Amino acid sequence: MRLSQLISDYLRDYLPNQRGLSANTCETYAHSYKLFFNFVADRQKLRPSELTLQHINAPNVLEFLEHIERKRGNGPATRNLRLAAIKSFLRYVEHRDPSVLEQSAQVQAIPTKRGDVPLIEHLSMEEVRVLLNAPDMRSYSGIRDRAMIHLCFAAGLRVSELVGIQIADLELGSKPALTIYGKGRRERALPLWQETAKDLRVWIKVRGNAPTSDVFLNARGERMSRSGFEYVLDKHIRSASKTCPSLIGRSVSPHQLRHSCALVMLEATKDVRKVALWLGHADVRTTETYLRMDASQKLEAIESVVPPSLRPGRFKPPDALIAMLSDVAE
């Protein structure tokens, strides 16, 4: 079977329908293959469409990984993501074409690369408050922007989850709640603060009867895109920085709102499992990264331990004159 057909079946059927992966994950994998095939085709003096399965071999993969680190400036995390995409495709191909088993085994043996794991970036509650006050609530776009930013923070949403919310997913009655269909088609129900629900009610009223069921719309009346929300967030971060110096010059991504929510939840509950459920993490180990950020957890730990008893010292500083004479003598 041709490589192009295998890739098409893998991305359009296997990943979304059999593995249940999101459209965003499929797009990320597709971008990885685009980079890899362009790289190999350029090295082999071929067109990408002329490549075969035999070109997905360990030497080419290793050269590609070195290229994206050296020439594209990618870090270990991106490098490992590209490698994971290639390995995943080859595992899929093994069941279609057993002749690639040895070739695939060599690629599967390529190790991931370790790198520094920095503390995640987030906003303080004061920074969030200033940000939420930045949109002009007298305008259509300002009402929409605050509802979007407020909901993204309060529910700890991924940006793909935020822009995909439908009218039917919202319950804005006496017990406001939101139903989210996240990664791996995992459904979760989240209660909402009354303040968040209030902003949403105002937006829904202003939004009116749009022809689409998407909650958040752009200026053309169509579903708000990921890049559209990133633009909205950046605009209001710059506005908020005028009254909040700590935001000056900062690049705040939508995911930082999710991180901020996670840390607020962890501080309130002291239970990483509850935070994992709130964020929709399949594995609690993913959520444990927030423990490194929560100083209160470490403070509780150190306060619960009795320090060892130490004998007090009786150090006497040397006489200044004697110390000076000792220095001269040396």
C-alpha atoms as a PDB file:
ATOM      1  CA  MET A   1       0.000   0.000   0.000  1.00  0.00           C
ATOM      2  CA  ARG A   2       1.223   3.489  -0.849  1.00  0.00           C
ATOM      3  CA  LEU A   3       2.586   5.659   1.951  1.00  0.00           C
ATOM      4  CA  SER A   4       0.092   8.452   1.213  1.00  0.00           C
ATOM      5  CA  GLN A   5      -2.852   6.045   1.582  1.00  0.00           C
ATOM      6  CA  LEU A   6      -1.508   4.654   4.850  1.00  0.00           C
ATOM      7  CA  ILE A   7      -1.023   8.123   6.289  1.00  0.00           C
ATOM      8  CA  SER A   8      -4.514   9.170   5.177  1.00  0.00           C
ATOM      9  CA  ASP A   9      -6.158   6.105   6.765  1.00  0.00           C
ATOM     10  CA  TYR A  10      -4.137   6.593   9.933  1.00  0.00           C
ATOM     11  CA  LEU A  11      -5.022  10.271  10.381  1.00  0.00           C
ATOM     12  CA  ARG A  12      -8.611  10.237   9.135  1.00  0.00           C
ATOM     13  CA  ASP A  13      -9.841   6.917  10.493  1.00  0.00           C
ATOM     14  CA  TYR A  14      -7.528   5.196  12.956  1.00  0.00           C
ATOM     15  CA  LEU A  15      -6.661   8.114  15.237  1.00  0.00           C
ATOM     16  CA  PRO A  16     -10.081   9.826  15.478  1.00  0.00           C
ATOM     17  CA  ASN A  17     -12.399   6.803  15.141  1.00  0.00           C
ATOM     18  CA  GLN A  18     -10.481   3.892  16.633  1.00  0.00           C
ATOM     19  CA  ARG A  19      -8.248   5.688  19.127  1.00  0.00           C
ATOM     20  CA  GLY A  20     -10.728   8.479  19.877  1.00  0.00           C
ATOM     21  CA  LEU A  21      -8.112  11.228  19.646  1.00  0.00           C
ATOM     22  CA  SER A  22      -9.170  14.851  19.257  1.00  0.00           C
ATOM     23  CA  ALA A  23      -8.943  16.845  16.043  1.00  0.00           C
ATOM     24  CA  ASN A  24      -6.182  18.954  17.605  1.00  0.00           C
ATOM     25  CA  THR A  25      -4.074  15.867  18.338  1.00  0.00           C
ATOM     26  CA  CYS A  26      -4.564  14.639  14.771  1.00  0.00           C
ATOM     27  CA  GLU A  27      -3.465  18.059  13.482  1.00  0.00           C
ATOM     28  CA  THR A  28      -0.345  17.924  15.657  1.00  0.00           C
ATOM     29  CA  TYR A  29       0.552  14.470  14.325  1.00  0.00           C
ATOM     30  CA  ALA A  30      -0.087  15.597  10.732  1.00  0.00           C
ATOM     31  CA  HIS A  31       2.244  18.558  11.226  1.00  0.00           C
ATOM     32  CA  SER A  32       4.949  16.220  12.538  1.00  0.00           C
ATOM     33  CA  TYR A  33       4.706  14.052   9.405  1.00  0.00           C
ATOM     34  CA  LYS A  34       4.732  17.109   7.163  1.00  0.00           C
ATOM     35  CA  LEU A  35       8.010  18.271   8.703  1.00  0.00           C
ATOM     36  CA  PHE A  36       9.537  14.792   8.558  1.00  0.00           C
ATOM     37  CA  PHE A  37       8.542  13.996   4.973  1.00  0.00           C
ATOM     38  CA  ASN A  38       9.690  17.388   3.709  1.00  0.00           C
ATOM     39  CA  PHE A  39      13.035  16.874   5.447  1.00  0.00           C
ATOM     40  CA  VAL A  40      13.582  13.372   4.060  1.00  0.00           C
ATOM     41  CA  ALA A  41      12.415  14.318   0.567  1.00  0.00           C
ATOM     42  CA  ASP A  42      14.842  17.248   0.507  1.00  0.00           C
ATOM     43  CA  ARG A  43      17.723  14.997   1.573  1.00  0.00           C
ATOM     44  CA  GLN A  44      16.820  12.308  -0.972  1.00  0.00           C
ATOM     45  CA  LYS A  45      16.196  14.814  -3.803  1.00  0.00           C
ATOM     46  CA  LEU A  46      12.642  13.520  -4.166  1.00  0.00           C
ATOM     47  CA  ARG A  47       9.171  14.918  -3.975  1.00  0.00           C
ATOM     48  CA  PRO A  48       7.357  14.025  -0.710  1.00  0.00           C
ATOM     49  CA  SER A  49       4.779  12.047  -2.712  1.00  0.00           C
ATOM     50  CA  GLU A  50       7.600   9.815  -4.024  1.00  0.00           C
ATOM     51  CA  LEU A  51       8.649   8.640  -0.566  1.00  0.00           C
ATOM     52  CA  THR A  52       7.957   5.058   0.525  1.00  0.00           C
ATOM     53  CA  LEU A  53       7.711   3.258   3.860  1.00  0.00           C
ATOM     54  CA  GLN A  54      11.391   2.333   3.561  1.00  0.00           C
ATOM     55  CA  HIS A  55      12.298   6.006   3.999  1.00  0.00           C
ATOM     56  CA  ILE A  56      10.870   5.967   7.547  1.00  0.00           C
ATOM     57  CA  ASN A  57      13.976   4.324   8.955  1.00  0.00           C
ATOM     58  CA  ALA A  58      16.110   4.945  12.031  1.00  0.00           C
ATOM     59  CA  PRO A  59      18.938   6.882  10.285  1.00  0.00           C
ATOM     60  CA  ASN A  60      16.471   9.288   8.658  1.00  0.00           C
ATOM     61  CA  VAL A  61      14.528   9.732  11.889  1.00  0.00           C
ATOM     62  CA  LEU A  62      17.703  10.451  13.864  1.00  0.00           C
ATOM     63  CA  GLU A  63      18.866  12.996  11.284  1.00  0.00           C
ATOM     64  CA  PHE A  64      15.430  14.624  11.365  1.00  0.00           C
ATOM     65  CA  LEU A  65      15.457  14.892  15.160  1.00  0.00           C
ATOM     66  CA  GLU A  66      18.920  16.442  15.100  1.00  0.00           C
ATOM     67  CA  HIS A  67      17.745  18.865  12.401  1.00  0.00           C
ATOM     68  CA  ILE A  68      14.722  20.170  14.301  1.00  0.00           C
ATOM     69  CA  GLU A  69      16.828  20.696  17.420  1.00  0.00           C
ATOM     70  CA  ARG A  70      19.762  22.367  15.681  1.00  0.00           C
ATOM     71  CA  LYS A  71      18.108  24.268  12.817  1.00  0.00           C
ATOM     72  CA  ARG A  72      14.568  24.864  14.115  1.00  0.00           C
ATOM     73  CA  GLY A  73      15.598  25.413  17.741  1.00  0.00           C
ATOM     74  CA  ASN A  74      13.111  22.858  19.100  1.00  0.00           C
ATOM     75  CA  GLY A  75      13.532  21.719  22.693  1.00  0.00           C
ATOM     76  CA  PRO A  76      13.388  18.151  24.050  1.00  0.00           C
ATOM     77  CA  ALA A  77       9.593  18.243  24.522  1.00  0.00           C
ATOM     78  CA  THR A  78       8.911  19.077  20.862  1.00  0.00           C
ATOM     79  CA  ARG A  79      11.576  16.648  19.714  1.00  0.00           C
ATOM     80  CA  ASN A  80       9.966  13.858  21.749  1.00  0.00           C
ATOM     81  CA  LEU A  81       6.519  14.737  20.410  1.00  0.00           C
ATOM     82  CA  ARG A  82       7.718  14.423  16.795  1.00  0.00           C
ATOM     83  CA  LEU A  83       9.385  11.110  17.609  1.00  0.00           C
ATOM     84  CA  ALA A  84       6.238   9.801  19.317  1.00  0.00           C
ATOM     85  CA  ALA A  85       4.173  10.619  16.227  1.00  0.00           C
ATOM     86  CA  ILE A  86       6.542   8.693  13.957  1.00  0.00           C
ATOM     87  CA  LYS A  87       6.662   5.699  16.321  1.00  0.00           C
ATOM     88  CA  SER A  88       2.872   5.632  16.570  1.00  0.00           C
ATOM     89  CA  PHE A  89       2.464   5.548  12.798  1.00  0.00           C
ATOM     90  CA  LEU A  90       4.970   2.724  12.407  1.00  0.00           C
ATOM     91  CA  ARG A  91       3.160   0.655  15.070  1.00  0.00           C
ATOM     92  CA  TYR A  92      -0.004   1.121  13.025  1.00  0.00           C
ATOM     93  CA  VAL A  93       1.775   0.098   9.805  1.00  0.00           C
ATOM     94  CA  GLU A  94       3.175  -3.090  11.378  1.00  0.00           C
ATOM     95  CA  HIS A  95      -0.307  -4.632  11.304  1.00  0.00           C
ATOM     96  CA  ARG A  96      -0.779  -3.680   7.650  1.00  0.00           C
ATOM     97  CA  ASP A  97       2.676  -4.607   6.372  1.00  0.00           C
ATOM     98  CA  PRO A  98       4.677  -7.056   8.533  1.00  0.00           C
ATOM     99  CA  SER A  99       7.730  -6.505   6.331  1.00  0.00           C
ATOM    100  CA  VAL A 100       8.446  -3.271   8.248  1.00  0.00           C
ATOM    101  CA  LEU A 101       8.700  -5.021  11.640  1.00  0.00           C
ATOM    102  CA  GLU A 102      12.498  -4.894  11.839  1.00  0.00           C
ATOM    103  CA  GLN A 103      12.615  -1.353  10.485  1.00  0.00           C
ATOM    104  CA  SER A 104       9.969  -0.288  12.993  1.00  0.00           C
ATOM    105  CA  ALA A 105      11.806  -1.965  15.890  1.00  0.00           C
ATOM    106  CA  GLN A 106      14.894   0.118  15.150  1.00  0.00           C
ATOM    107  CA  VAL A 107      12.860   3.334  15.234  1.00  0.00           C
ATOM    108  CA  GLN A 108      11.013   2.259  18.391  1.00  0.00           C
ATOM    109  CA  ALA A 109      14.425   1.804  20.054  1.00  0.00           C
ATOM    110  CA  ILE A 110      15.293   5.493  19.604  1.00  0.00           C
ATOM    111  CA  PRO A 111      15.106   6.913  23.139  1.00  0.00           C
ATOM    112  CA  THR A 112      13.290  10.047  24.145  1.00  0.00           C
ATOM    113  CA  LYS A 113      15.399  12.928  25.317  1.00  0.00           C
ATOM    114  CA  ARG A 114      15.352  14.325  28.803  1.00  0.00           C
ATOM    115  CA  GLY A 115      15.369  18.039  29.366  1.00  0.00           C
ATOM    116  CA  ASP A 116      14.862  20.579  32.083  1.00  0.00           C
ATOM    117  CA  VAL A 117      11.308  20.695  33.428  1.00  0.00           C
ATOM    118  CA  PRO A 118      10.612  24.337  34.287  1.00  0.00           C
ATOM    119  CA  LEU A 119       7.881  25.418  36.665  1.00  0.00           C
ATOM    120  CA  ILE A 120       4.660  26.075  34.787  1.00  0.00           C
ATOM    121  CA  GLU A 121       3.646  29.681  34.219  1.00  0.00           C
ATOM    122  CA  HIS A 122       0.402  30.949  35.690  1.00  0.00           C
ATOM    123  CA  LEU A 123      -1.413  34.074  36.832  1.00  0.00           C
ATOM    124  CA  SER A 124      -2.030  35.107  40.408  1.00  0.00           C
ATOM    125  CA  MET A 125      -5.604  35.752  41.540  1.00  0.00           C
ATOM    126  CA  GLU A 126      -4.912  39.488  41.522  1.00  0.00           C
ATOM    127  CA  GLU A 127      -3.658  39.288  37.936  1.00  0.00           C
ATOM    128  CA  VAL A 128      -6.758  37.295  36.965  1.00  0.00           C
ATOM    129  CA  ARG A 129      -8.987  39.900  38.615  1.00  0.00           C
ATOM    130  CA  VAL A 130      -7.341  42.747  36.700  1.00  0.00           C
ATOM    131  CA  LEU A 131      -7.549  40.761  33.470  1.00  0.00           C
ATOM    132  CA  LEU A 132     -11.270  40.097  33.910  1.00  0.00           C
ATOM    133  CA  ASN A 133     -11.868  43.797  34.494  1.00  0.00           C
ATOM    134  CA  ALA A 134     -10.014  44.766  31.312  1.00  0.00           C
ATOM    135  CA  PRO A 135     -12.779  44.179  28.689  1.00  0.00           C
ATOM    136  CA  ASP A 136     -15.213  47.049  28.074  1.00  0.00           C
ATOM    137  CA  MET A 137     -18.545  45.710  29.340  1.00  0.00           C
ATOM    138  CA  ARG A 138     -20.409  48.411  27.394  1.00  0.00           C
ATOM    139  CA  SER A 139     -19.540  46.761  24.074  1.00  0.00           C
ATOM    140  CA  TYR A 140     -20.592  43.541  22.341  1.00  0.00           C
ATOM    141  CA  SER A 141     -17.011  42.276  22.033  1.00  0.00           C
ATOM    142  CA  GLY A 142     -16.147  43.262  25.603  1.00  0.00           C
ATOM    143  CA  ILE A 143     -19.080  41.258  27.015  1.00  0.00           C
ATOM    144  CA  ARG A 144     -18.079  38.269  24.897  1.00  0.00           C
ATOM    145  CA  ASP A 145     -14.390  38.548  25.778  1.00  0.00           C
ATOM    146  CA  ARG A 146     -14.976  38.657  29.523  1.00  0.00           C
ATOM    147  CA  ALA A 147     -17.340  35.681  29.378  1.00  0.00           C
ATOM    148  CA  MET A 148     -14.744  33.699  27.406  1.00  0.00           C
ATOM    149  CA  ILE A 149     -11.799  34.559  29.629  1.00  0.00           C
ATOM    150  CA  HIS A 150     -13.841  34.078  32.809  1.00  0.00           C
ATOM    151  CA  LEU A 151     -15.096  30.650  31.740  1.00  0.00           C
ATOM    152  CA  CYS A 152     -11.670  29.512  30.504  1.00  0.00           C
ATOM    153  CA  PHE A 153     -10.173  30.331  33.912  1.00  0.00           C
ATOM    154  CA  ALA A 154     -13.034  29.229  36.169  1.00  0.00           C
ATOM    155  CA  ALA A 155     -13.496  25.853  34.473  1.00  0.00           C
ATOM    156  CA  GLY A 156      -9.797  25.269  33.715  1.00  0.00           C
ATOM    157  CA  LEU A 157     -10.548  24.621  30.059  1.00  0.00           C
ATOM    158  CA  ARG A 158      -8.258  23.752  27.207  1.00  0.00           C
ATOM    159  CA  VAL A 159      -8.663  26.341  24.459  1.00  0.00           C
ATOM    160  CA  SER A 160     -10.098  23.666  22.144  1.00  0.00           C
ATOM    161  CA  GLU A 161     -12.729  22.877  24.770  1.00  0.00           C
ATOM    162  CA  LEU A 162     -13.578  26.545  25.215  1.00  0.00           C
ATOM    163  CA  VAL A 163     -14.174  27.341  21.547  1.00  0.00           C
ATOM    164  CA  GLY A 164     -16.109  24.096  21.070  1.00  0.00           C
ATOM    165  CA  ILE A 165     -18.779  24.770  23.722  1.00  0.00           C
ATOM    166  CA  GLN A 166     -22.350  24.560  22.440  1.00  0.00           C
ATOM    167  CA  ILE A 167     -25.450  26.262  23.822  1.00  0.00           C
ATOM    168  CA  ALA A 168     -26.775  22.864  24.955  1.00  0.00           C
ATOM    169  CA  ASP A 169     -23.619  22.330  27.065  1.00  0.00           C
ATOM    170  CA  LEU A 170     -24.524  25.218  29.382  1.00  0.00           C
ATOM    171  CA  GLU A 171     -26.939  25.126  32.305  1.00  0.00           C
ATOM    172  CA  LEU A 172     -27.344  28.647  33.653  1.00  0.00           C
ATOM    173  CA  GLY A 173     -30.197  28.172  36.109  1.00  0.00           C
ATOM    174  CA  SER A 174     -30.003  28.208  39.894  1.00  0.00           C
ATOM    175  CA  LYS A 175     -27.222  25.606  39.818  1.00  0.00           C
ATOM    176  CA  PRO A 176     -25.092  26.681  36.850  1.00  0.00           C
ATOM    177  CA  ALA A 177     -22.936  23.990  35.260  1.00  0.00           C
ATOM    178  CA  LEU A 178     -21.035  23.153  32.108  1.00  0.00           C
ATOM    179  CA  THR A 179     -20.676  19.834  30.304  1.00  0.00           C
ATOM    180  CA  ILE A 180     -17.343  19.353  28.558  1.00  0.00           C
ATOM    181  CA  TYR A 181     -16.317  16.695  26.053  1.00  0.00           C
ATOM    182  CA  GLY A 182     -12.547  16.659  26.417  1.00  0.00           C
ATOM    183  CA  LYS A 183      -9.585  14.605  25.269  1.00  0.00           C
ATOM    184  CA  GLY A 184     -10.279  10.974  24.491  1.00  0.00           C
ATOM    185  CA  ARG A 185     -14.003  11.831  24.354  1.00  0.00           C
ATOM    186  CA  ARG A 186     -14.102  11.914  28.141  1.00  0.00           C
ATOM    187  CA  GLU A 187     -17.144  13.794  29.364  1.00  0.00           C
ATOM    188  CA  ARG A 188     -17.059  15.825  32.555  1.00  0.00           C
ATOM    189  CA  ALA A 189     -19.621  18.063  34.277  1.00  0.00           C
ATOM    190  CA  LEU A 190     -18.346  21.186  36.029  1.00  0.00           C
ATOM    191  CA  PRO A 191     -20.308  23.428  38.397  1.00  0.00           C
ATOM    192  CA  LEU A 192     -19.780  27.138  37.764  1.00  0.00           C
ATOM    193  CA  TRP A 193     -19.338  30.093  40.074  1.00  0.00           C
ATOM    194  CA  GLN A 194     -22.381  32.352  40.147  1.00  0.00           C
ATOM    195  CA  GLU A 195     -20.111  35.205  38.988  1.00  0.00           C
ATOM    196  CA  THR A 196     -19.073  33.172  35.933  1.00  0.00           C
ATOM    197  CA  ALA A 197     -22.676  32.246  35.200  1.00  0.00           C
ATOM    198  CA  LYS A 198     -23.665  35.907  35.421  1.00  0.00           C
ATOM    199  CA  ASP A 199     -21.132  36.883  32.748  1.00  0.00           C
ATOM    200  CA  LEU A 200     -22.357  34.007  30.566  1.00  0.00           C
ATOM    201  CA  ARG A 201     -26.015  35.012  30.934  1.00  0.00           C
ATOM    202  CA  VAL A 202     -25.215  38.554  29.843  1.00  0.00           C
ATOM    203  CA  TRP A 203     -23.284  37.263  26.840  1.00  0.00           C
ATOM    204  CA  ILE A 204     -25.998  34.792  25.778  1.00  0.00           C
ATOM    205  CA  LYS A 205     -28.552  37.621  25.900  1.00  0.00           C
ATOM    206  CA  VAL A 206     -26.343  39.916  23.787  1.00  0.00           C
ATOM    207  CA  ARG A 207     -25.386  37.080  21.432  1.00  0.00           C
ATOM    208  CA  GLY A 208     -28.994  36.651  20.340  1.00  0.00           C
ATOM    209  CA  ASN A 209     -30.284  33.996  17.953  1.00  0.00           C
ATOM    210  CA  ALA A 210     -27.208  33.228  15.900  1.00  0.00           C
ATOM    211  CA  PRO A 211     -27.444  30.658  13.074  1.00  0.00           C
ATOM    212  CA  THR A 212     -24.864  28.435  14.831  1.00  0.00           C
ATOM    213  CA  SER A 213     -25.117  26.661  18.179  1.00  0.00           C
ATOM    214  CA  ASP A 214     -21.562  27.603  19.154  1.00  0.00           C
ATOM    215  CA  VAL A 215     -21.541  29.756  22.300  1.00  0.00           C
ATOM    216  CA  PHE A 216     -18.644  32.030  21.382  1.00  0.00           C
ATOM    217  CA  LEU A 217     -18.686  33.758  18.001  1.00  0.00           C
ATOM    218  CA  ASN A 218     -16.260  35.958  16.123  1.00  0.00           C
ATOM    219  CA  ALA A 219     -17.071  39.245  14.404  1.00  0.00           C
ATOM    220  CA  ARG A 220     -18.486  37.352  11.396  1.00  0.00           C
ATOM    221  CA  GLY A 221     -20.934  35.398  13.534  1.00  0.00           C
ATOM    222  CA  GLU A 222     -18.937  32.171  13.144  1.00  0.00           C
ATOM    223  CA  ARG A 223     -17.361  29.937  15.778  1.00  0.00           C
ATOM    224  CA  MET A 224     -14.468  31.615  17.580  1.00  0.00           C
ATOM    225  CA  SER A 225     -11.192  29.998  16.557  1.00  0.00           C
ATOM    226  CA  ARG A 226      -8.211  29.070  18.747  1.00  0.00           C
ATOM    227  CA  SER A 227      -6.132  31.859  17.209  1.00  0.00           C
ATOM    228  CA  GLY A 228      -9.053  34.247  17.641  1.00  0.00           C
ATOM    229  CA  PHE A 229      -9.195  33.619  21.374  1.00  0.00           C
ATOM    230  CA  GLU A 230      -5.414  33.917  21.643  1.00  0.00           C
ATOM    231  CA  TYR A 231      -5.683  37.337  19.991  1.00  0.00           C
ATOM    232  CA  VAL A 232      -8.485  38.382  22.370  1.00  0.00           C
ATOM    233  CA  LEU A 233      -6.510  37.252  25.419  1.00  0.00           C
ATOM    234  CA  ASP A 234      -3.330  39.004  24.307  1.00  0.00           C
ATOM    235  CA  LYS A 235      -5.255  42.245  23.681  1.00  0.00           C
ATOM    236  CA  HIS A 236      -6.698  42.288  27.187  1.00  0.00           C
ATOM    237  CA  ILE A 237      -3.404  41.258  28.808  1.00  0.00           C
ATOM    238  CA  ARG A 238      -1.824  44.352  27.263  1.00  0.00           C
ATOM    239  CA  SER A 239      -4.727  46.458  28.511  1.00  0.00           C
ATOM    240  CA  ALA A 240      -4.552  44.950  32.014  1.00  0.00           C
ATOM    241  CA  SER A 241      -0.797  45.585  32.194  1.00  0.00           C
ATOM    242  CA  LYS A 242      -1.517  49.332  32.363  1.00  0.00           C
ATOM    243  CA  THR A 243      -2.805  48.874  35.924  1.00  0.00           C
ATOM    244  CA  CYS A 244      -0.952  45.661  36.828  1.00  0.00           C
ATOM    245  CA  PRO A 245       2.851  46.054  36.450  1.00  0.00           C
ATOM    246  CA  SER A 246       3.500  42.309  36.831  1.00  0.00           C
ATOM    247  CA  LEU A 247       1.763  41.741  33.468  1.00  0.00           C
ATOM    248  CA  ILE A 248       3.955  44.191  31.557  1.00  0.00           C
ATOM    249  CA  GLY A 249       5.752  42.450  28.706  1.00  0.00           C
ATOM    250  CA  ARG A 250       4.329  39.032  29.554  1.00  0.00           C
ATOM    251  CA  SER A 251       3.120  36.597  26.945  1.00  0.00           C
ATOM    252  CA  VAL A 252       0.128  34.830  28.465  1.00  0.00           C
ATOM    253  CA  SER A 253      -1.251  31.798  26.649  1.00  0.00           C
ATOM    254  CA  PRO A 254      -4.776  30.420  27.121  1.00  0.00           C
ATOM    255  CA  HIS A 255      -3.230  27.378  28.801  1.00  0.00           C
ATOM    256  CA  GLN A 256      -1.852  29.609  31.545  1.00  0.00           C
ATOM    257  CA  LEU A 257      -5.461  30.324  32.554  1.00  0.00           C
ATOM    258  CA  ARG A 258      -5.932  26.557  32.903  1.00  0.00           C
ATOM    259  CA  HIS A 259      -2.772  26.324  35.013  1.00  0.00           C
ATOM    260  CA  SER A 260      -4.005  29.190  37.178  1.00  0.00           C
ATOM    261  CA  CYS A 261      -7.310  27.426  37.795  1.00  0.00           C
ATOM    262  CA  ALA A 262      -5.509  24.193  38.689  1.00  0.00           C
ATOM    263  CA  LEU A 263      -3.373  25.915  41.308  1.00  0.00           C
ATOM    264  CA  VAL A 264      -6.403  27.643  42.841  1.00  0.00           C
ATOM    265  CA  MET A 265      -8.189  24.279  43.028  1.00  0.00           C
ATOM    266  CA  LEU A 266      -5.160  22.557  44.534  1.00  0.00           C
ATOM    267  CA  GLU A 267      -4.754  25.248  47.174  1.00  0.00           C
ATOM    268  CA  ALA A 268      -8.451  24.993  48.071  1.00  0.00           C
ATOM    269  CA  THR A 269      -8.814  21.193  48.113  1.00  0.00           C
ATOM    270  CA  LYS A 270      -5.266  19.985  48.932  1.00  0.00           C
ATOM    271  CA  ASP A 271      -6.193  16.961  46.806  1.00  0.00           C
ATOM    272  CA  VAL A 272      -4.446  16.409  43.479  1.00  0.00           C
ATOM    273  CA  ARG A 273      -7.017  13.738  42.527  1.00  0.00           C
ATOM    274  CA  LYS A 274      -9.854  16.266  42.638  1.00  0.00           C
ATOM    275  CA  VAL A 275      -7.808  18.639  40.494  1.00  0.00           C
ATOM    276  CA  ALA A 276      -7.224  15.831  37.980  1.00  0.00           C
ATOM    277  CA  LEU A 277     -10.967  15.188  37.760  1.00  0.00           C
ATOM    278  CA  TRP A 278     -11.670  18.899  37.322  1.00  0.00           C
ATOM    279  CA  LEU A 279      -9.125  19.284  34.512  1.00  0.00           C
ATOM    280  CA  GLY A 280     -10.089  16.034  32.806  1.00  0.00           C
ATOM    281  CA  HIS A 281      -6.680  14.384  33.150  1.00  0.00           C
ATOM    282  CA  ALA A 282      -6.741  10.659  32.398  1.00  0.00           C
ATOM    283  CA  ASP A 283      -3.657  10.084  34.572  1.00  0.00           C
ATOM    284  CA  VAL A 284      -3.166  11.797  37.924  1.00  0.00           C
ATOM    285  CA  ARG A 285       0.574  11.879  37.232  1.00  0.00           C
ATOM    286  CA  THR A 286      -0.124  14.613  34.693  1.00  0.00           C
ATOM    287  CA  THR A 287      -1.645  16.701  37.473  1.00  0.00           C
ATOM    288  CA  GLU A 288       1.217  16.154  39.895  1.00  0.00           C
ATOM    289  CA  THR A 289       3.236  18.845  38.103  1.00  0.00           C
ATOM    290  CA  TYR A 290       1.127  21.397  39.987  1.00  0.00           C
ATOM    291  CA  LEU A 291       2.425  20.060  43.310  1.00  0.00           C
ATOM    292  CA  ARG A 292       5.829  21.526  42.448  1.00  0.00           C
ATOM    293  CA  MET A 293       4.183  24.946  42.148  1.00  0.00           C
ATOM    294  CA  ASP A 294       2.116  24.917  45.350  1.00  0.00           C
ATOM    295  CA  ALA A 295       4.267  26.366  48.117  1.00  0.00           C
ATOM    296  CA  SER A 296       1.550  25.743  50.720  1.00  0.00           C
ATOM    297  CA  GLN A 297       1.936  21.988  50.245  1.00  0.00           C
ATOM    298  CA  LYS A 298       5.660  22.244  50.951  1.00  0.00           C
ATOM    299  CA  LEU A 299       5.044  24.570  53.902  1.00  0.00           C
ATOM    300  CA  GLU A 300       2.654  22.054  55.462  1.00  0.00           C
ATOM    301  CA  ALA A 301       5.227  19.332  54.960  1.00  0.00           C
ATOM    302  CA  ILE A 302       8.045  21.227  56.639  1.00  0.00           C
ATOM    303  CA  GLU A 303       5.816  22.374  59.509  1.00  0.00           C
ATOM    304  CA  SER A 304       4.765  18.787  60.214  1.00  0.00           C
ATOM    305  CA  VAL A 305       8.359  17.649  60.742  1.00  0.00           C
ATOM    306  CA  VAL A 306      10.166  18.228  64.054  1.00  0.00           C
ATOM    307  CA  PRO A 307      13.643  19.528  63.244  1.00  0.00           C
ATOM    308  CA  PRO A 308      16.595  17.736  64.910  1.00  0.00           C
ATOM    309  CA  SER A 309      17.859  19.080  68.198  1.00  0.00           C
ATOM    310  CA  LEU A 310      21.241  20.691  67.748  1.00  0.00           C
ATOM    311  CA  ARG A 311      23.870  21.680  70.299  1.00  0.00           C
ATOM    312  CA  PRO A 312      24.144  25.467  70.325  1.00  0.00           C
ATOM    313  CA  GLY A 313      27.490  26.834  69.226  1.00  0.00           C
ATOM    314  CA  ARG A 314      29.736  29.065  71.357  1.00  0.00           C
ATOM    315  CA  PHE A 315      31.720  30.727  68.638  1.00  0.00           C
ATOM    316  CA  LYS A 316      33.757  33.766  69.703  1.00  0.00           C
ATOM    317  CA  PRO A 317      35.070  36.059  66.997  1.00  0.00           C
ATOM    318  CA  PRO A 318      38.873  36.525  67.197  1.00  0.00           C
ATOM    319  CA  ASP A 319      40.269  39.719  68.629  1.00  0.00           C
ATOM    320  CA  ALA A 320      40.569  42.280  65.817  1.00  0.00           C
ATOM    321  CA  LEU A 321      44.197  43.149  66.652  1.00  0.00           C
ATOM    322  CA  ILE A 322      45.292  39.494  66.824  1.00  0.00           C
ATOM    323  CA  ALA A 323      43.451  38.723  63.571  1.00  0.00           C
ATOM    324  CA  MET A 324      45.242  41.614  61.821  1.00  0.00           C
ATOM    325  CA  LEU A 325      48.656  40.456  63.099  1.00  0.00           C
ATOM    326  CA  SER A 326      47.886  36.885  61.996  1.00  0.00           C
ATOM    327  CA  ASP A 327      47.099  38.101  58.466  1.00  0.00           C
ATOM    328  CA  VAL A 328      50.385  40.041  58.327  1.00  0.00           C
ATOM    329  CA  ALA A 329      52.354  37.087  59.608  1.00  0.00           C
ATOM    330  CA  GLU A 330      50.946  34.922  56.826  1.00  0.00           C
END
